[in-house]
Amino acid sequence: MLDRFDNLCNDLTSGLPAEIEARKKQYEYYRDKLLTFKPLT
């Protein structure tokens, strides 16, 4: 398990794209939370 973690941290071809994808999903989640408003009724 530590070898896999080490590979993800040090290998830019696998770790970096996974990190970018995770940050995109995180951005979309918080963007939707911040820009979703309840109706004023």
PDB file of N, CA and C in Angstrom:
ATOM      1  N   MET A   1       0.827  -1.191   0.000  1.00  0.00           N
ATOM      2  CA  MET A   1       0.000   0.000   0.000  1.00  0.00           C
ATOM      3  C   MET A   1       0.874   1.258   0.000  1.00  0.00           C
ATOM      4  N   LEU A   2       1.958   1.234   0.749  1.00  0.00           N
ATOM      5  CA  LEU A   2       2.844   2.397   0.762  1.00  0.00           C
ATOM      6  C   LEU A   2       3.531   2.595  -0.581  1.00  0.00           C
ATOM      7  N   ASP A   3       3.826   1.500  -1.272  1.00  0.00           N
ATOM      8  CA  ASP A   3       4.430   1.630  -2.603  1.00  0.00           C
ATOM      9  C   ASP A   3       3.471   2.328  -3.563  1.00  0.00           C
ATOM     10  N   ARG A   4       2.194   1.960  -3.489  1.00  0.00           N
ATOM     11  CA  ARG A   4       1.200   2.596  -4.359  1.00  0.00           C
ATOM     12  C   ARG A   4       1.095   4.092  -4.041  1.00  0.00           C
ATOM     13  N   PHE A   5       1.071   4.424  -2.751  1.00  0.00           N
ATOM     14  CA  PHE A   5       1.006   5.822  -2.332  1.00  0.00           C
ATOM     15  C   PHE A   5       2.239   6.586  -2.806  1.00  0.00           C
ATOM     16  N   ASP A   6       3.398   5.957  -2.662  1.00  0.00           N
ATOM     17  CA  ASP A   6       4.642   6.580  -3.108  1.00  0.00           C
ATOM     18  C   ASP A   6       4.623   6.822  -4.611  1.00  0.00           C
ATOM     19  N   ASN A   7       4.124   5.860  -5.358  1.00  0.00           N
ATOM     20  CA  ASN A   7       4.035   6.020  -6.817  1.00  0.00           C
ATOM     21  C   ASN A   7       3.112   7.175  -7.183  1.00  0.00           C
ATOM     22  N   LEU A   8       1.976   7.275  -6.514  1.00  0.00           N
ATOM     23  CA  LEU A   8       1.032   8.365  -6.817  1.00  0.00           C
ATOM     24  C   LEU A   8       1.631   9.728  -6.491  1.00  0.00           C
ATOM     25  N   CYS A   9       2.405   9.776  -5.423  1.00  0.00           N
ATOM     26  CA  CYS A   9       3.000  11.057  -5.018  1.00  0.00           C
ATOM     27  C   CYS A   9       4.151  11.469  -5.927  1.00  0.00           C
ATOM     28  N   ASN A  10       4.908  10.514  -6.415  1.00  0.00           N
ATOM     29  CA  ASN A  10       6.126  10.832  -7.148  1.00  0.00           C
ATOM     30  C   ASN A  10       6.022  10.694  -8.659  1.00  0.00           C
ATOM     31  N   ASP A  11       5.001  10.017  -9.149  1.00  0.00           N
ATOM     32  CA  ASP A  11       4.868   9.809 -10.594  1.00  0.00           C
ATOM     33  C   ASP A  11       3.905  10.844 -11.156  1.00  0.00           C
ATOM     34  N   LEU A  12       4.428  11.810 -11.879  1.00  0.00           N
ATOM     35  CA  LEU A  12       3.598  12.900 -12.395  1.00  0.00           C
ATOM     36  C   LEU A  12       2.604  12.441 -13.447  1.00  0.00           C
ATOM     37  N   THR A  13       2.850  11.313 -14.101  1.00  0.00           N
ATOM     38  CA  THR A  13       1.934  10.873 -15.151  1.00  0.00           C
ATOM     39  C   THR A  13       0.678  10.231 -14.588  1.00  0.00           C
ATOM     40  N   SER A  14       0.705   9.720 -13.362  1.00  0.00           N
ATOM     41  CA  SER A  14      -0.509   9.118 -12.802  1.00  0.00           C
ATOM     42  C   SER A  14      -1.068   9.944 -11.650  1.00  0.00           C
ATOM     43  N   GLY A  15      -0.221  10.458 -10.788  1.00  0.00           N
ATOM     44  CA  GLY A  15      -0.692  11.193  -9.616  1.00  0.00           C
ATOM     45  C   GLY A  15      -1.267  12.551  -9.944  1.00  0.00           C
ATOM     46  N   LEU A  16      -0.619  13.283 -10.805  1.00  0.00           N
ATOM     47  CA  LEU A  16      -1.067  14.643 -11.111  1.00  0.00           C
ATOM     48  C   LEU A  16      -2.424  14.667 -11.809  1.00  0.00           C
ATOM     49  N   PRO A  17      -2.669  13.856 -12.844  1.00  0.00           N
ATOM     50  CA  PRO A  17      -4.011  13.878 -13.448  1.00  0.00           C
ATOM     51  C   PRO A  17      -5.114  13.479 -12.461  1.00  0.00           C
ATOM     52  N   ALA A  18      -4.816  12.529 -11.569  1.00  0.00           N
ATOM     53  CA  ALA A  18      -5.816  12.138 -10.567  1.00  0.00           C
ATOM     54  C   ALA A  18      -6.100  13.298  -9.621  1.00  0.00           C
ATOM     55  N   GLU A  19      -5.083  14.024  -9.243  1.00  0.00           N
ATOM     56  CA  GLU A  19      -5.250  15.174  -8.346  1.00  0.00           C
ATOM     57  C   GLU A  19      -6.031  16.290  -9.046  1.00  0.00           C
ATOM     58  N   ILE A  20      -5.747  16.538 -10.302  1.00  0.00           N
ATOM     59  CA  ILE A  20      -6.475  17.566 -11.060  1.00  0.00           C
ATOM     60  C   ILE A  20      -7.947  17.202 -11.157  1.00  0.00           C
ATOM     61  N   GLU A  21      -8.244  15.938 -11.433  1.00  0.00           N
ATOM     62  CA  GLU A  21      -9.636  15.487 -11.535  1.00  0.00           C
ATOM     63  C   GLU A  21     -10.355  15.637 -10.197  1.00  0.00           C
ATOM     64  N   ALA A  22      -9.679  15.301  -9.118  1.00  0.00           N
ATOM     65  CA  ALA A  22     -10.280  15.436  -7.792  1.00  0.00           C
ATOM     66  C   ALA A  22     -10.567  16.899  -7.475  1.00  0.00           C
ATOM     67  N   ARG A  23      -9.662  17.802  -7.822  1.00  0.00           N
ATOM     68  CA  ARG A  23      -9.869  19.236  -7.561  1.00  0.00           C
ATOM     69  C   ARG A  23     -11.010  19.791  -8.414  1.00  0.00           C
ATOM     70  N   LYS A  24     -11.155  19.298  -9.649  1.00  0.00           N
ATOM     71  CA  LYS A  24     -12.274  19.742 -10.490  1.00  0.00           C
ATOM     72  C   LYS A  24     -13.604  19.349  -9.870  1.00  0.00           C
ATOM     73  N   LYS A  25     -13.684  18.104  -9.376  1.00  0.00           N
ATOM     74  CA  LYS A  25     -14.923  17.653  -8.737  1.00  0.00           C
ATOM     75  C   LYS A  25     -15.197  18.454  -7.472  1.00  0.00           C
ATOM     76  N   GLN A  26     -14.161  18.754  -6.712  1.00  0.00           N
ATOM     77  CA  GLN A  26     -14.316  19.539  -5.493  1.00  0.00           C
ATOM     78  C   GLN A  26     -14.797  20.954  -5.846  1.00  0.00           C
ATOM     79  N   TYR A  27     -14.218  21.555  -6.863  1.00  0.00           N
ATOM     80  CA  TYR A  27     -14.617  22.890  -7.303  1.00  0.00           C
ATOM     81  C   TYR A  27     -16.084  22.900  -7.726  1.00  0.00           C
ATOM     82  N   GLU A  28     -16.489  21.902  -8.525  1.00  0.00           N
ATOM     83  CA  GLU A  28     -17.870  21.842  -8.989  1.00  0.00           C
ATOM     84  C   GLU A  28     -18.840  21.684  -7.826  1.00  0.00           C
ATOM     85  N   TYR A  29     -18.489  20.859  -6.842  1.00  0.00           N
ATOM     86  CA  TYR A  29     -19.344  20.643  -5.677  1.00  0.00           C
ATOM     87  C   TYR A  29     -19.568  21.954  -4.929  1.00  0.00           C
ATOM     88  N   TYR A  30     -18.487  22.647  -4.599  1.00  0.00           N
ATOM     89  CA  TYR A  30     -18.620  23.885  -3.829  1.00  0.00           C
ATOM     90  C   TYR A  30     -19.239  25.004  -4.654  1.00  0.00           C
ATOM     91  N   ARG A  31     -18.964  25.040  -5.936  1.00  0.00           N
ATOM     92  CA  ARG A  31     -19.595  26.039  -6.805  1.00  0.00           C
ATOM     93  C   ARG A  31     -21.106  25.850  -6.793  1.00  0.00           C
ATOM     94  N   ASP A  32     -21.551  24.607  -6.936  1.00  0.00           N
ATOM     95  CA  ASP A  32     -22.986  24.338  -6.931  1.00  0.00           C
ATOM     96  C   ASP A  32     -23.612  24.661  -5.579  1.00  0.00           C
ATOM     97  N   LYS A  33     -22.899  24.365  -4.487  1.00  0.00           N
ATOM     98  CA  LYS A  33     -23.418  24.670  -3.148  1.00  0.00           C
ATOM     99  C   LYS A  33     -23.546  26.182  -2.946  1.00  0.00           C
ATOM    100  N   LEU A  34     -22.562  26.922  -3.406  1.00  0.00           N
ATOM    101  CA  LEU A  34     -22.570  28.367  -3.198  1.00  0.00           C
ATOM    102  C   LEU A  34     -23.560  29.091  -4.104  1.00  0.00           C
ATOM    103  N   LEU A  35     -23.831  28.545  -5.269  1.00  0.00           N
ATOM    104  CA  LEU A  35     -24.678  29.246  -6.233  1.00  0.00           C
ATOM    105  C   LEU A  35     -26.101  28.689  -6.314  1.00  0.00           C
ATOM    106  N   THR A  36     -26.463  27.825  -5.380  1.00  0.00           N
ATOM    107  CA  THR A  36     -27.824  27.288  -5.324  1.00  0.00           C
ATOM    108  C   THR A  36     -28.577  28.018  -4.228  1.00  0.00           C
ATOM    109  N   PHE A  37     -29.640  28.695  -4.624  1.00  0.00           N
ATOM    110  CA  PHE A  37     -30.401  29.499  -3.677  1.00  0.00           C
ATOM    111  C   PHE A  37     -31.808  28.927  -3.513  1.00  0.00           C
ATOM    112  N   LYS A  38     -32.325  29.021  -2.305  1.00  0.00           N
ATOM    113  CA  LYS A  38     -33.701  28.612  -2.043  1.00  0.00           C
ATOM    114  C   LYS A  38     -34.629  29.735  -2.487  1.00  0.00           C
ATOM    115  N   PRO A  39     -35.811  29.380  -2.993  1.00  0.00           N
ATOM    116  CA  PRO A  39     -36.761  30.422  -3.407  1.00  0.00           C
ATOM    117  C   PRO A  39     -37.232  31.249  -2.210  1.00  0.00           C
ATOM    118  N   LEU A  40     -37.467  32.514  -2.451  1.00  0.00           N
ATOM    119  CA  LEU A  40     -37.919  33.441  -1.397  1.00  0.00           C
ATOM    120  C   LEU A  40     -39.447  33.491  -1.355  1.00  0.00           C
ATOM    121  N   THR A  41     -40.067  32.446  -0.823  1.00  0.00           N
ATOM    122  CA  THR A  41     -41.539  32.460  -0.753  1.00  0.00           C
ATOM    123  C   THR A  41     -42.036  32.409   0.655  1.00  0.00           C
TER     124      THR A  41
END
